């Protein structure tokens, strides 16, 4: 369902223009001090290389961190994508983001194709599996790019609470 059709106010104008650059965009909501964001930034960057026809963005909502902290996060994690600053939580609110990291696969009209976990490596806050076998976001990307609906369109994300 389009976010515009469900009675919500229109998406942030800058963000709307940005997501129209490609047919699909993958978002990772982040907080610079979230340990899980730091851990999952590397596998997120691997996906950037694997899917050149998909746009990847990190989204930082709010004004809790100054630009230097966000730049340090980007430098330390060696991310390969831009960080969109969602100062007033418009994008987070429209998409219903609740934690960091939380992942979304959306189309160029901001329709949510998948949202939730990257994979099954996080059992609970601070509890990581040594090996994981489910690749939720990658599976959703593969199905979507093959013209199919993903088998799983939502998982319950685990992370640091996104403070509105």
Protein backbone atom coordinates (compact mmCIF):
# COMPACT_ATOMS: atom_id res chain seq x y z
CA UNK A 1 0.00 0.00 0.00
CA UNK A 2 1.32 3.42 -0.88
CA UNK A 3 2.03 5.65 2.06
CA UNK A 4 0.22 8.42 0.22
CA UNK A 5 -2.95 6.36 -0.16
CA UNK A 6 -3.34 5.51 3.50
CA UNK A 7 -4.24 8.99 4.65
CA UNK A 8 -0.84 10.00 5.97
CA UNK A 9 0.75 13.29 5.10
CA UNK A 10 3.07 13.28 2.07
CA UNK A 11 6.60 11.97 2.46
CA UNK A 12 9.45 14.40 3.05
CA UNK A 13 10.07 16.15 -0.30
CA UNK A 14 13.85 15.62 -0.33
CA UNK A 15 13.40 11.96 0.53
CA UNK A 16 10.70 11.50 -2.14
CA UNK A 17 13.04 12.89 -4.79
CA UNK A 18 15.89 10.74 -3.54
CA UNK A 19 13.99 7.43 -3.68
CA UNK A 20 12.88 8.10 -7.25
CA UNK A 21 16.51 7.75 -8.39
CA UNK A 22 16.11 3.97 -8.66
CA UNK A 23 13.21 1.55 -8.86
CA UNK A 24 13.99 0.15 -5.39
CA UNK A 25 15.72 1.56 -2.33
CA UNK A 26 16.95 -0.27 0.77
CA UNK A 27 17.05 1.74 3.98
CA UNK A 28 18.89 1.06 7.21
CA UNK A 29 17.76 3.22 10.12
CA UNK A 30 20.81 3.97 12.26
CA UNK A 31 22.02 5.60 15.46
CA UNK A 32 25.75 6.29 15.72
CA UNK A 33 26.05 4.80 19.20
CA UNK A 34 23.99 1.66 18.53
CA UNK A 35 26.34 -1.36 18.67
CA UNK A 36 24.08 -3.37 16.35
CA UNK A 37 24.20 -0.59 13.75
CA UNK A 38 27.98 -0.75 13.84
CA UNK A 39 27.92 -4.55 13.52
CA UNK A 40 25.40 -4.65 10.66
CA UNK A 41 26.93 -1.79 8.66
CA UNK A 42 29.48 -4.17 7.13
CA UNK A 43 26.98 -6.75 5.81
CA UNK A 44 24.79 -3.85 4.65
CA UNK A 45 27.75 -2.51 2.64
CA UNK A 46 28.25 -5.97 1.11
CA UNK A 47 24.69 -5.77 -0.24
CA UNK A 48 25.51 -2.39 -1.80
CA UNK A 49 28.12 -4.15 -3.93
CA UNK A 50 25.87 -7.14 -4.73
CA UNK A 51 22.90 -5.07 -5.97
CA UNK A 52 24.17 -2.20 -8.15
CA UNK A 53 20.68 -1.53 -9.56
CA UNK A 54 19.25 -0.89 -6.09
CA UNK A 55 19.81 2.31 -4.11
CA UNK A 56 21.02 1.86 -0.54
CA UNK A 57 20.68 4.59 2.09
CA UNK A 58 21.19 4.86 5.80
CA UNK A 59 18.66 7.03 7.60
CA UNK A 60 19.38 8.89 10.79
CA UNK A 61 16.24 10.31 12.40
CA UNK A 62 16.18 13.20 14.86
CA UNK A 63 18.76 15.64 16.09
CA UNK A 64 20.25 13.65 18.98
CA UNK A 65 23.70 13.51 17.38
CA UNK A 66 25.80 16.24 15.87
CA UNK A 67 27.21 15.88 12.35
CA UNK A 68 30.67 14.97 13.69
CA UNK A 69 29.27 11.91 15.53
CA UNK A 70 27.49 10.77 12.37
CA UNK A 71 30.65 11.33 10.30
CA UNK A 72 32.67 9.32 12.83
CA UNK A 73 30.15 6.49 12.55
CA UNK A 74 30.47 6.57 8.74
CA UNK A 75 34.27 6.59 8.93
CA UNK A 76 34.54 3.84 11.56
CA UNK A 77 32.12 1.50 9.78
CA UNK A 78 33.44 2.31 6.28
CA UNK A 79 29.92 2.53 4.92
CA UNK A 80 29.49 2.64 1.16
CA UNK A 81 26.33 4.71 0.99
CA UNK A 82 24.89 8.08 1.92
CA UNK A 83 23.23 8.92 5.20
CA UNK A 84 19.91 10.73 4.89
CA UNK A 85 19.21 13.08 7.81
CA UNK A 86 15.55 12.76 8.84
CA UNK A 87 15.66 15.68 11.28
CA UNK A 88 11.95 15.78 12.13
CA UNK A 89 11.22 12.03 11.99
CA UNK A 90 9.02 12.44 8.92
CA UNK A 91 10.48 9.43 7.13
CA UNK A 92 10.63 7.28 10.28
CA UNK A 93 7.01 8.13 11.07
CA UNK A 94 5.77 7.48 7.53
CA UNK A 95 7.47 4.09 7.36
CA UNK A 96 6.74 3.16 10.98
CA UNK A 97 10.40 2.63 11.95
CA UNK A 98 10.75 1.60 15.59
CA UNK A 99 14.39 0.61 16.22
CA UNK A 100 17.92 0.95 14.94
CA UNK A 101 18.95 -0.92 12.96
CA UNK A 102 15.73 -1.53 11.08
CA UNK A 103 15.72 -2.34 7.39
CA UNK A 104 13.21 -1.41 4.71
CA UNK A 105 12.96 -2.31 1.04
CA UNK A 106 10.73 0.24 -0.67
CA UNK A 107 9.84 1.07 -4.25
CA UNK A 108 10.19 4.50 -5.85
CA UNK A 109 6.70 5.46 -4.63
CA UNK A 110 7.58 4.60 -1.01
CA UNK A 111 5.55 1.38 -0.97
CA UNK A 112 7.05 -0.97 1.61
CA UNK A 113 8.06 -4.29 0.07
CA UNK A 114 9.84 -5.65 3.17
CA UNK A 115 10.74 -4.38 6.61
CA UNK A 116 12.43 -5.75 9.69
CA UNK A 117 15.66 -7.64 10.23
CA UNK A 118 18.65 -7.97 7.92
CA UNK A 119 19.00 -11.67 8.79
CA UNK A 120 18.59 -13.98 11.78
CA UNK A 121 21.91 -13.24 13.52
CA UNK A 122 20.26 -11.19 16.31
CA UNK A 123 18.32 -13.23 18.83
CA UNK A 124 17.68 -10.39 21.24
CA UNK A 125 19.30 -7.12 22.19
CA UNK A 126 23.03 -7.80 22.54
CA UNK A 127 22.68 -11.52 21.80
CA UNK A 128 24.19 -12.59 18.47
CA UNK A 129 24.24 -16.01 16.84
CA UNK A 130 27.62 -17.35 15.77
CA UNK A 131 26.06 -18.63 12.54
CA UNK A 132 22.89 -17.57 10.84
CA UNK A 133 20.95 -19.15 8.02
CA UNK A 134 18.08 -16.80 7.20
CA UNK A 135 18.79 -13.79 5.01
CA UNK A 136 15.48 -11.91 5.15
CA UNK A 137 16.47 -8.72 3.35
CA UNK A 138 18.53 -10.49 0.68
CA UNK A 139 15.68 -12.94 0.03
CA UNK A 140 13.23 -10.02 -0.30
CA UNK A 141 15.59 -8.26 -2.72
CA UNK A 142 16.08 -11.39 -4.84
CA UNK A 143 12.34 -12.09 -5.07
CA UNK A 144 11.46 -8.48 -5.82
CA UNK A 145 14.09 -8.10 -8.53
CA UNK A 146 12.83 -11.35 -10.07
CA UNK A 147 9.35 -9.81 -10.28
CA UNK A 148 7.92 -11.89 -7.43
CA UNK A 149 6.44 -10.98 -4.07
CA UNK A 150 8.82 -11.88 -1.22
CA UNK A 151 7.75 -14.91 0.84
CA UNK A 152 8.34 -12.87 3.97
CA UNK A 153 7.44 -9.17 3.93
CA UNK A 154 7.89 -8.38 7.63
CA UNK A 155 10.00 -9.56 10.53
CA UNK A 156 10.14 -8.08 14.01
CA UNK A 157 13.27 -5.95 14.21
CA UNK A 158 15.61 -6.16 17.18
CA UNK A 159 17.55 -3.09 18.15
CA UNK A 160 17.93 0.13 20.05
CA UNK A 161 14.64 2.01 20.42
CA UNK A 162 14.28 4.83 17.90
CA UNK A 163 13.59 7.81 20.15
CA UNK A 164 10.96 10.11 18.66
